[in-house]
Amino acid sequence: MSLRLRLALFLVSVFCLGEWLIVRTALNEVKPRYLESMEESLVDASRLLAALLETQLRAGEPDPAPLRSALASVRSHEFVAQVYSLRKTQLDLRVYATDAAGRVVFDSDGGRDEGADYMGWRDVRLTLAGAYGARATQAIPGDNESLVIYIAAPIRHGDHIAGVLSLGKPTRSINILVAAAQRRVLLGAFIGGLGLLAALLVAANWVIAPLERLTAYARAVRDGKPAPLPRLPGRTLQELGTAFAEMRESLEGKKHVERTTQALAHGIKAPLAAVRGAAELLGEEMPAEERRRFLDNLRAESVRIEQIVERLLQLSALEARSTLLAPERIEAAALCAEVADGFRSAGRAAGVELVVGESAAGVVKGERGLVREALANLVQNAVEFSPRGARVTLGARVVGSCVEFVVEDQGPGVPDYALARVFERFYSLERPATGRKSTGLGLALVREIAHLHGGESEVVNRLEGGARAVLRLPSAR
């Protein structure tokens, strides 16, 4: 069997095996991805509907009247939606709500199970327990085509759960989309596979033809026949041809050449759930006040996303570094005064007095911009968690071989359950004044800056109330 045929058969075999594995994996992954997308959308929708019910609580319990009215309105209007290969003409969501005991107070399926105890269902039980509640149930036991996914969200009243709202979505329509997607995958794999196989065979011929010319050249040399070195494409084959020519010269006693050729190649790719939900609701008719509230939410979430991206890029850049770029001597007292000056206007706006305490004559060595950034994050947290009329104190002290920058506030302190997690990425507590959370990256940035400088950071509660944040860096010697 010739080398050309062997290489062609090998490439075809490898291609067929690889194509089969890839297509099989792709086909198996289509449905889970559709189901994940559907579940993610149900999470958004259930949260939004639960939030709407929270505004309509009656005696601390869910009032199903708004849901009943909304669903009746939706079902009274005809619509046609061509979702790719799926033609949708009716609402196929099932919505039910329970009270805090798991008793169904509303069922969109004609009130079928109203009054029933749903505490045994996983979505209701877990949600009432404060966890993520979801379940997949076959409407017809044993029939996979009747699978329905339910996603639940808590209906909160103050700091406790007053009930559960659960959305159920049949996967029947997903199965239609999955089948269409799988057909497209098979068609694309077939067409693309034919093109790739043709390209592989052409490439095999492109490699084999020069080798055959080199073989003919070597035989001519063996037989002592005069033969010019054939023209060869590519650097590697040209070098191979040169090696043949040099070997020929060596065999003829004109030249001894020893040569080695080497080749090396290397090859080297995160939901905006709140924004999406608000944008979808803005497309509906609603009072002007609610529309303004959703627009405010959109703006706030957009700013938050921008802050997360900027902070995350900054954090990632810090994590990739192992040394300081331009370290300098930094006087602790001067840095404290500089940071405090930058926050005085913000402190006045928040009704918080910012005080620079007595600072020891400590000096650290590091990147001034990074240390200032870390200290500014600690001061900003202290201001945001302090009530109006409170005081935030910033100072520095020398403790052994370290300089400690200390920020103390008179806020509520850090809950015990959160003390061990405040430096985690994306972990944040609600600000008392606004009820909003930050990006959850500020303290993570502080920790990375501290570690880059060979130091540590910590947050503890003060006995007299409030929190104390410490940035501890090695003293410059």
Protein backbone atom coordinates (compact mmCIF):
# COMPACT_ATOMS: atom_id res chain seq x y z
CA MET A 1 0.00 0.00 0.00
CA SER A 2 1.44 3.36 -1.02
CA LEU A 3 2.15 6.14 1.46
CA ARG A 4 -0.40 8.33 -0.32
CA LEU A 5 -3.18 5.77 0.21
CA ARG A 6 -2.14 5.07 3.80
CA LEU A 7 -2.15 8.75 4.72
CA ALA A 8 -5.50 9.27 3.00
CA LEU A 9 -7.06 6.34 4.87
CA PHE A 10 -5.57 7.52 8.15
CA LEU A 11 -6.90 11.05 7.71
CA VAL A 12 -10.34 9.77 6.70
CA SER A 13 -10.46 7.46 9.74
CA VAL A 14 -9.39 10.17 12.16
CA PHE A 15 -11.82 12.61 10.56
CA CYS A 16 -14.77 10.20 10.78
CA LEU A 17 -14.04 9.36 14.42
CA GLY A 18 -13.60 13.02 15.36
CA GLU A 19 -16.70 14.06 13.42
CA TRP A 20 -18.76 11.36 15.12
CA LEU A 21 -17.56 12.35 18.59
CA ILE A 22 -18.09 16.06 17.99
CA VAL A 23 -21.54 15.66 16.45
CA ARG A 24 -22.62 13.23 19.14
CA THR A 25 -21.44 15.59 21.88
CA ALA A 26 -23.08 18.57 20.18
CA LEU A 27 -26.41 16.76 19.78
CA ASN A 28 -26.36 15.64 23.42
CA GLU A 29 -25.58 19.19 24.58
CA VAL A 30 -28.35 20.93 22.65
CA LYS A 31 -31.27 20.00 24.93
CA PRO A 32 -29.51 20.73 28.26
CA ARG A 33 -28.52 24.18 27.00
CA TYR A 34 -32.11 24.93 25.94
CA LEU A 35 -33.39 23.71 29.32
CA GLU A 36 -30.80 25.82 31.16
CA SER A 37 -31.85 28.86 29.16
CA MET A 38 -35.51 28.17 29.91
CA GLU A 39 -34.79 27.70 33.62
CA GLU A 40 -32.80 30.94 33.75
CA SER A 41 -35.71 32.82 32.17
CA LEU A 42 -38.14 31.22 34.61
CA VAL A 43 -35.96 32.36 37.51
CA ASP A 44 -36.21 35.95 36.27
CA ALA A 45 -39.95 35.76 35.66
CA SER A 46 -40.73 34.08 39.00
CA ARG A 47 -38.69 36.67 40.87
CA LEU A 48 -40.48 39.52 39.15
CA LEU A 49 -43.95 38.09 39.74
CA ALA A 50 -43.08 37.33 43.36
CA ALA A 51 -41.90 40.92 43.77
CA LEU A 52 -45.20 42.17 42.34
CA LEU A 53 -47.14 40.01 44.79
CA GLU A 54 -45.05 41.40 47.62
CA THR A 55 -46.54 44.79 46.86
CA GLN A 56 -50.06 43.33 47.09
CA LEU A 57 -49.88 41.46 50.40
CA ARG A 58 -53.08 41.31 52.37
CA ALA A 59 -52.71 40.83 56.12
CA GLY A 60 -49.16 39.62 55.50
CA GLU A 61 -50.29 36.89 53.06
CA PRO A 62 -50.20 36.72 49.24
CA ASP A 63 -53.18 38.23 47.47
CA PRO A 64 -53.78 36.26 44.23
CA ALA A 65 -56.19 38.83 42.77
CA PRO A 66 -53.56 40.68 40.67
CA LEU A 67 -52.29 37.39 39.20
CA ARG A 68 -55.79 36.18 38.45
CA SER A 69 -56.62 39.43 36.69
CA ALA A 70 -53.35 39.53 34.72
CA LEU A 71 -53.64 35.94 33.49
CA ALA A 72 -57.27 36.43 32.52
CA SER A 73 -56.24 39.49 30.50
CA VAL A 74 -53.43 37.61 28.74
CA ARG A 75 -55.67 34.69 27.82
CA SER A 76 -58.35 36.97 26.47
CA HIS A 77 -56.06 38.30 23.74
CA GLU A 78 -55.05 36.25 20.72
CA PHE A 79 -51.42 36.37 19.61
CA VAL A 80 -49.07 34.66 17.18
CA ALA A 81 -45.33 34.46 17.84
CA GLN A 82 -43.03 32.73 15.39
CA VAL A 83 -40.10 31.68 17.61
CA TYR A 84 -37.71 30.35 14.97
CA SER A 85 -39.26 26.98 14.01
CA LEU A 86 -41.91 27.12 16.76
CA ARG A 87 -45.26 28.83 16.16
CA LYS A 88 -46.65 29.96 19.51
CA THR A 89 -50.30 30.97 19.85
CA GLN A 90 -51.14 30.48 23.52
CA LEU A 91 -49.69 30.90 26.99
CA ASP A 92 -48.48 27.57 28.33
CA LEU A 93 -47.16 28.75 31.71
CA ARG A 94 -48.69 27.34 34.85
CA VAL A 95 -48.57 29.72 37.81
CA TYR A 96 -49.42 28.89 41.39
CA ALA A 97 -48.87 30.65 44.68
CA THR A 98 -48.85 29.26 48.20
CA ASP A 99 -48.91 30.75 51.66
CA ALA A 100 -46.19 30.28 54.26
CA ALA A 101 -47.56 26.84 55.15
CA GLY A 102 -47.37 25.58 51.56
CA ARG A 103 -51.15 25.74 50.98
CA VAL A 104 -52.07 26.73 47.40
CA VAL A 105 -53.90 30.06 47.32
CA PHE A 106 -53.86 30.46 43.54
CA ASP A 107 -53.59 28.03 40.63
CA SER A 108 -53.71 29.32 37.06
CA ASP A 109 -54.89 25.90 35.88
CA GLY A 110 -58.54 26.80 36.48
CA GLY A 111 -57.98 26.83 40.25
CA ARG A 112 -57.45 23.07 40.11
CA ASP A 113 -55.31 22.64 43.22
CA GLU A 114 -56.31 25.73 45.22
CA GLY A 115 -56.44 24.74 48.89
CA ALA A 116 -54.11 21.75 48.35
CA ASP A 117 -51.00 21.23 50.48
CA TYR A 118 -47.93 21.66 48.25
CA MET A 119 -45.34 21.47 51.03
CA GLY A 120 -44.32 18.07 49.67
CA TRP A 121 -43.25 19.56 46.33
CA ARG A 122 -39.55 20.31 46.15
CA ASP A 123 -39.88 23.81 44.70
CA VAL A 124 -42.22 24.96 47.49
CA ARG A 125 -40.43 23.18 50.33
CA LEU A 126 -36.94 24.46 49.45
CA THR A 127 -38.11 28.03 48.75
CA LEU A 128 -39.91 28.26 52.09
CA ALA A 129 -36.68 27.01 53.69
CA GLY A 130 -34.78 29.91 52.10
CA ALA A 131 -33.07 27.82 49.38
CA TYR A 132 -33.40 27.74 45.58
CA GLY A 133 -36.56 25.82 44.79
CA ALA A 134 -36.95 23.97 41.50
CA ARG A 135 -38.41 20.69 40.29
CA ALA A 136 -39.08 18.76 37.09
CA THR A 137 -42.25 16.69 37.04
CA GLN A 138 -43.86 14.54 34.37
CA ALA A 139 -47.47 15.59 33.92
CA ILE A 140 -48.07 12.06 32.60
CA PRO A 141 -45.93 9.58 34.58
CA GLY A 142 -43.49 7.76 32.31
CA ASP A 143 -43.90 10.22 29.45
CA ASN A 144 -40.78 12.36 28.99
CA GLU A 145 -42.59 14.55 26.50
CA SER A 146 -44.88 15.73 29.32
CA LEU A 147 -42.03 17.02 31.50
CA VAL A 148 -42.75 20.35 33.21
CA ILE A 149 -40.08 22.47 34.91
CA TYR A 150 -41.17 24.50 37.93
CA ILE A 151 -39.11 27.38 39.34
CA ALA A 152 -40.19 29.02 42.59
CA ALA A 153 -39.41 32.39 44.18
CA PRO A 154 -40.13 33.57 47.73
CA ILE A 155 -42.83 36.13 48.45
CA ARG A 156 -41.31 38.17 51.25
CA HIS A 157 -43.00 40.22 53.93
CA GLY A 158 -40.39 42.14 55.83
CA ASP A 159 -37.65 39.72 56.85
CA HIS A 160 -39.68 36.53 56.58
CA ILE A 161 -41.16 34.49 53.71
CA ALA A 162 -44.92 34.94 53.43
CA GLY A 163 -45.38 32.48 50.60
CA VAL A 164 -44.10 31.05 47.34
CA LEU A 165 -44.79 31.85 43.71
CA SER A 166 -43.91 29.04 41.28
CA LEU A 167 -43.83 29.10 37.48
CA GLY A 168 -44.21 25.87 35.52
CA LYS A 169 -43.16 25.56 31.88
CA PRO A 170 -43.74 22.41 29.77
CA THR A 171 -40.69 21.27 27.83
CA ARG A 172 -42.83 20.21 24.86
CA SER A 173 -42.06 23.42 22.95
CA ILE A 174 -38.39 23.10 23.89
CA ASN A 175 -38.39 19.60 22.37
CA ILE A 176 -39.55 21.09 19.06
CA LEU A 177 -36.77 23.68 19.13
CA VAL A 178 -34.22 21.04 20.18
CA ALA A 179 -35.20 18.77 17.30
CA ALA A 180 -34.87 21.67 14.84
CA ALA A 181 -31.49 22.64 16.31
CA GLN A 182 -30.27 19.05 16.11
CA ARG A 183 -31.29 18.86 12.46
CA ARG A 184 -29.34 22.05 11.79
CA VAL A 185 -26.33 20.64 13.63
CA LEU A 186 -26.44 17.44 11.56
CA LEU A 187 -26.81 19.39 8.31
CA GLY A 188 -24.00 21.76 9.23
CA ALA A 189 -21.78 18.86 10.32
CA PHE A 190 -22.47 17.02 7.07
CA ILE A 191 -21.76 19.99 4.80
CA GLY A 192 -18.83 21.23 6.88
CA GLY A 193 -17.50 17.67 7.17
CA LEU A 194 -17.48 17.18 3.43
CA GLY A 195 -15.60 20.44 2.99
CA LEU A 196 -13.11 19.57 5.73
CA LEU A 197 -12.56 16.07 4.38
CA ALA A 198 -11.88 17.48 0.92
CA ALA A 199 -9.44 19.96 2.44
CA LEU A 200 -7.69 17.15 4.34
CA LEU A 201 -7.30 15.08 1.18
CA VAL A 202 -5.93 18.09 -0.70
CA ALA A 203 -3.53 18.75 2.18
CA ALA A 204 -2.47 15.09 2.16
CA ASN A 205 -1.74 15.30 -1.55
CA TRP A 206 0.12 18.60 -1.01
CA VAL A 207 2.35 16.83 1.52
CA ILE A 208 2.79 13.54 -0.34
CA ALA A 209 3.57 14.93 -3.82
CA PRO A 210 6.81 16.69 -2.75
CA LEU A 211 7.85 13.56 -0.83
CA GLU A 212 7.37 11.49 -3.96
CA ARG A 213 9.56 13.95 -5.88
CA LEU A 214 12.19 13.66 -3.16
CA THR A 215 11.97 9.87 -3.37
CA ALA A 216 12.59 9.99 -7.11
CA TYR A 217 15.55 12.32 -6.49
CA ALA A 218 17.03 9.94 -3.89
CA ARG A 219 16.72 6.99 -6.28
CA ALA A 220 18.45 8.99 -8.98
CA VAL A 221 21.29 9.72 -6.55
CA ARG A 222 21.44 6.01 -5.64
CA ASP A 223 21.71 5.07 -9.29
CA GLY A 224 24.33 7.74 -9.92
CA LYS A 225 22.14 9.60 -12.34
CA PRO A 226 22.37 13.36 -12.64
CA ALA A 227 19.21 14.89 -11.20
CA PRO A 228 18.44 18.44 -10.11
CA LEU A 229 16.91 19.00 -6.67
CA PRO A 230 13.13 19.33 -7.22
CA ARG A 231 11.34 22.50 -6.26
CA LEU A 232 9.65 21.99 -2.94
CA PRO A 233 6.99 24.10 -1.19
CA GLY A 234 7.30 25.20 2.38
CA ARG A 235 10.29 25.86 4.57
CA THR A 236 10.37 22.38 6.12
CA LEU A 237 10.32 20.52 2.82
CA GLN A 238 12.85 22.92 1.34
CA GLU A 239 15.15 22.22 4.25
CA LEU A 240 14.56 18.49 3.75
CA GLY A 241 15.50 18.85 0.08
CA THR A 242 18.62 20.79 1.03
CA ALA A 243 19.53 18.01 3.47
CA PHE A 244 19.19 15.51 0.65
CA ALA A 245 21.42 17.64 -1.55
CA GLU A 246 24.02 18.02 1.19
CA MET A 247 23.91 14.28 1.85
CA ARG A 248 24.51 13.72 -1.83
CA GLU A 249 27.53 15.99 -1.77
CA SER A 250 28.84 14.16 1.30
CA LEU A 251 28.40 10.76 -0.35
CA GLU A 252 30.25 12.02 -3.36
CA GLY A 253 33.15 13.03 -1.09
CA LYS A 254 32.80 16.74 -1.83
CA LYS A 255 31.31 17.84 1.46
CA HIS A 256 30.29 16.42 4.84
CA VAL A 257 27.32 18.11 6.33
CA GLU A 258 25.52 17.42 9.59
CA ARG A 259 22.28 19.16 10.02
CA THR A 260 19.10 19.07 12.33
CA THR A 261 15.65 20.50 11.57
CA GLN A 262 12.99 21.23 14.15
CA ALA A 263 9.41 22.71 14.00
CA LEU A 264 7.21 23.95 16.81
CA ALA A 265 3.67 25.37 16.78
CA HIS A 266 1.45 26.65 19.49
CA GLY A 267 -2.17 27.54 19.37
CA ILE A 268 -4.16 29.41 21.65
CA LYS A 269 -11.24 32.64 24.14
CA ALA A 270 -20.06 35.55 32.38
CA PRO A 271 -26.86 37.83 33.40
CA LEU A 272 -28.15 40.73 33.08
CA ALA A 273 -31.20 39.42 34.73
CA ALA A 274 -32.37 42.64 36.37
CA VAL A 275 -31.80 44.75 33.26
CA ARG A 276 -33.51 42.23 31.04
CA GLY A 277 -36.50 41.90 33.33
CA ALA A 278 -36.91 45.66 33.69
CA ALA A 279 -36.56 46.14 29.93
CA GLU A 280 -39.26 43.56 29.25
CA LEU A 281 -41.64 45.16 31.75
CA LEU A 282 -41.04 48.61 30.26
CA GLY A 283 -42.56 47.31 27.07
CA GLU A 284 -45.88 46.88 28.86
CA GLU A 285 -48.41 49.47 29.93
CA MET A 286 -47.76 50.68 33.46
CA PRO A 287 -48.18 53.80 35.60
CA ALA A 288 -45.63 56.54 35.10
CA GLU A 289 -44.33 56.13 38.65
CA GLU A 290 -43.58 52.45 38.11
CA ARG A 291 -41.97 53.21 34.76
CA ARG A 292 -39.67 55.74 36.45
CA ARG A 293 -38.78 53.17 39.08
CA PHE A 294 -37.83 50.59 36.46
CA LEU A 295 -35.81 53.20 34.55
CA ASP A 296 -33.98 54.07 37.76
CA ASN A 297 -33.26 50.36 38.23
CA LEU A 298 -31.91 50.12 34.69
CA ARG A 299 -29.59 53.05 35.25
CA ALA A 300 -28.42 51.75 38.62
CA GLU A 301 -27.75 48.25 37.27
CA SER A 302 -25.88 49.66 34.26
CA VAL A 303 -23.61 51.66 36.55
CA ARG A 304 -23.14 48.60 38.74
CA ILE A 305 -22.15 46.45 35.74
CA GLU A 306 -19.65 49.09 34.63
CA GLN A 307 -18.18 49.21 38.13
CA ILE A 308 -17.95 45.42 38.29
CA VAL A 309 -16.15 45.25 34.95
CA GLU A 310 -13.69 47.97 35.93
CA ARG A 311 -13.06 46.49 39.37
CA LEU A 312 -12.78 42.96 38.03
CA LEU A 313 -10.27 44.01 35.38
CA GLN A 314 -8.28 45.82 38.02
CA LEU A 315 -8.46 42.81 40.36
CA SER A 316 -7.47 40.38 37.62
CA ALA A 317 -4.50 42.54 36.70
CA LEU A 318 -3.40 42.57 40.34
CA GLU A 319 -3.77 38.80 40.69
CA ALA A 320 -1.58 38.30 37.63
CA ARG A 321 1.23 40.32 39.20
CA SER A 322 3.85 38.93 41.53
CA THR A 323 5.97 42.03 42.19
CA LEU A 324 5.55 45.76 42.69
CA LEU A 325 6.23 47.85 39.59
CA ALA A 326 7.47 51.16 41.01
CA PRO A 327 7.71 50.96 44.83
CA GLU A 328 8.42 54.11 46.80
CA ARG A 329 8.56 55.21 50.42
CA ILE A 330 5.12 56.27 51.65
CA GLU A 331 4.59 58.23 54.85
CA ALA A 332 1.54 56.82 56.58
CA ALA A 333 0.38 60.12 58.14
CA ALA A 334 0.58 62.01 54.84
CA LEU A 335 -1.32 59.26 53.01
CA CYS A 336 -4.09 59.27 55.63
CA ALA A 337 -4.48 63.04 55.28
CA GLU A 338 -4.56 62.74 51.48
CA VAL A 339 -7.27 60.07 51.49
CA ALA A 340 -9.33 61.95 54.07
CA ASP A 341 -9.21 65.14 52.00
CA GLY A 342 -10.58 63.20 49.04
CA PHE A 343 -13.59 61.95 51.05
CA ARG A 344 -14.57 65.05 53.01
CA SER A 345 -17.17 66.23 50.52
CA ALA A 346 -18.67 62.74 50.24
CA GLY A 347 -18.74 62.50 54.03
CA ARG A 348 -20.52 65.84 54.37
CA ALA A 349 -23.07 64.77 51.76
CA ALA A 350 -23.75 61.61 53.77
CA GLY A 351 -23.90 63.52 57.05
CA VAL A 352 -20.78 61.70 58.31
CA GLU A 353 -17.83 63.43 59.99
CA LEU A 354 -14.47 62.21 58.71
CA VAL A 355 -11.68 62.61 61.28
CA VAL A 356 -7.96 61.95 60.86
CA GLY A 357 -6.66 60.57 64.14
CA GLU A 358 -3.15 60.80 65.43
CA SER A 359 -0.82 58.82 63.19
CA ALA A 360 2.58 57.47 64.09
CA ALA A 361 5.56 58.37 61.95
CA GLY A 362 5.34 55.09 60.09
CA VAL A 363 6.68 54.55 56.58
CA VAL A 364 5.84 51.73 54.17
CA LYS A 365 7.35 50.86 50.83
CA GLY A 366 4.99 50.19 47.95
CA GLU A 367 3.03 51.59 45.03
CA ARG A 368 1.44 54.75 46.34
CA GLY A 369 -1.55 54.58 43.98
CA LEU A 370 -2.42 51.04 45.04
CA VAL A 371 -2.09 51.68 48.77
CA ARG A 372 -4.19 54.84 48.41
CA GLU A 373 -6.80 52.83 46.47
CA ALA A 374 -6.99 50.21 49.22
CA LEU A 375 -7.31 52.81 51.96
CA ALA A 376 -9.95 54.71 49.96
CA ASN A 377 -12.03 51.54 49.65
CA LEU A 378 -11.97 51.06 53.41
CA VAL A 379 -12.97 54.68 54.05
CA GLN A 380 -15.75 54.50 51.46
CA ASN A 381 -17.18 51.38 53.11
CA ALA A 382 -17.07 53.06 56.52
CA VAL A 383 -18.90 56.15 55.21
CA GLU A 384 -21.56 54.10 53.45
CA PHE A 385 -22.31 51.99 56.55
CA SER A 386 -22.37 54.94 58.97
CA PRO A 387 -25.64 56.65 59.92
CA ARG A 388 -26.02 60.41 59.63
CA GLY A 389 -24.31 62.23 62.46
CA ALA A 390 -21.78 59.43 62.93
CA ARG A 391 -18.00 59.75 62.84
CA VAL A 392 -15.43 57.86 60.77
CA THR A 393 -11.86 57.90 62.05
CA LEU A 394 -8.81 57.26 59.89
CA GLY A 395 -5.35 56.81 61.30
CA ALA A 396 -2.12 54.81 61.26
CA ARG A 397 0.01 53.16 63.91
CA VAL A 398 3.26 51.21 64.07
CA VAL A 399 2.86 47.71 65.48
CA GLY A 400 6.10 45.74 65.60
CA SER A 401 7.54 45.53 62.09
CA CYS A 402 4.31 46.65 60.46
CA VAL A 403 2.35 49.82 59.85
CA GLU A 404 -1.41 49.47 60.37
CA PHE A 405 -3.82 51.79 58.62
CA VAL A 406 -6.99 51.76 60.73
CA VAL A 407 -10.49 52.91 59.69
CA GLU A 408 -13.19 52.91 62.40
CA ASP A 409 -16.87 53.74 62.02
CA GLN A 410 -19.95 54.02 64.23
CA GLY A 411 -22.24 51.97 62.01
CA PRO A 412 -24.10 48.75 62.79
CA GLY A 413 -21.00 46.61 62.49
CA VAL A 414 -20.64 43.44 60.45
CA PRO A 415 -23.03 40.54 61.13
CA ASP A 416 -21.25 37.54 62.62
CA TYR A 417 -22.17 35.34 59.67
CA ALA A 418 -20.52 37.79 57.24
CA LEU A 419 -17.24 38.46 59.06
CA ALA A 420 -15.47 35.51 57.46
CA ARG A 421 -16.73 36.39 53.97
CA VAL A 422 -16.34 40.15 53.57
CA PHE A 423 -13.17 39.76 51.51
CA GLU A 424 -14.71 37.25 49.10
CA ARG A 425 -15.30 38.30 45.52
CA PHE A 426 -18.82 39.62 44.88
CA TYR A 427 -19.86 39.28 48.55
CA SER A 428 -21.56 42.43 49.73
CA LEU A 429 -23.97 43.62 52.42
CA GLU A 430 -26.83 46.04 51.93
CA ARG A 431 -26.03 49.67 52.66
CA PRO A 432 -28.27 50.95 55.47
CA ALA A 433 -29.07 54.24 53.72
CA THR A 434 -30.03 52.83 50.29
CA GLY A 435 -30.65 49.12 50.83
CA ARG A 436 -28.41 48.43 47.83
CA LYS A 437 -25.30 46.30 47.65
CA SER A 438 -21.95 47.30 46.18
CA THR A 439 -20.00 45.38 43.52
CA GLY A 440 -18.53 43.14 46.20
CA LEU A 441 -15.06 43.68 44.78
CA GLY A 442 -13.77 46.57 46.88
CA LEU A 443 -12.55 44.52 49.84
CA ALA A 444 -11.27 41.79 47.51
CA LEU A 445 -9.18 44.51 45.86
CA VAL A 446 -7.95 45.64 49.28
CA ARG A 447 -6.87 42.10 50.11
CA GLU A 448 -4.99 41.67 46.80
CA ILE A 449 -3.20 44.99 47.27
CA ALA A 450 -2.24 43.96 50.80
CA HIS A 451 -0.91 40.58 49.62
CA LEU A 452 1.01 42.19 46.76
CA HIS A 453 2.76 44.36 49.35
CA GLY A 454 3.42 41.40 51.66
CA GLY A 455 0.74 42.49 54.11
CA GLU A 456 -2.71 41.54 55.39
CA SER A 457 -6.15 43.06 55.80
CA GLU A 458 -8.98 42.39 58.23
CA VAL A 459 -12.36 43.68 59.37
CA VAL A 460 -13.57 43.22 62.96
CA ASN A 461 -16.38 44.59 65.10
CA ARG A 462 -15.58 47.09 67.85
CA LEU A 463 -16.78 46.43 71.40
CA GLU A 464 -18.21 49.95 71.59
CA GLY A 465 -20.09 49.46 68.32
CA GLY A 466 -19.24 49.85 64.66
CA ALA A 467 -16.52 48.15 62.64
CA ARG A 468 -12.76 48.45 62.45
CA ALA A 469 -10.95 47.81 59.14
CA VAL A 470 -7.19 47.32 59.19
CA LEU A 471 -4.71 47.40 56.31
CA ARG A 472 -1.43 45.98 57.67
CA LEU A 473 1.73 46.50 55.58
CA PRO A 474 5.40 45.82 56.33
CA SER A 475 7.26 48.86 57.61
CA ALA A 476 9.99 50.25 55.32
CA ARG A 477 13.44 49.64 56.73
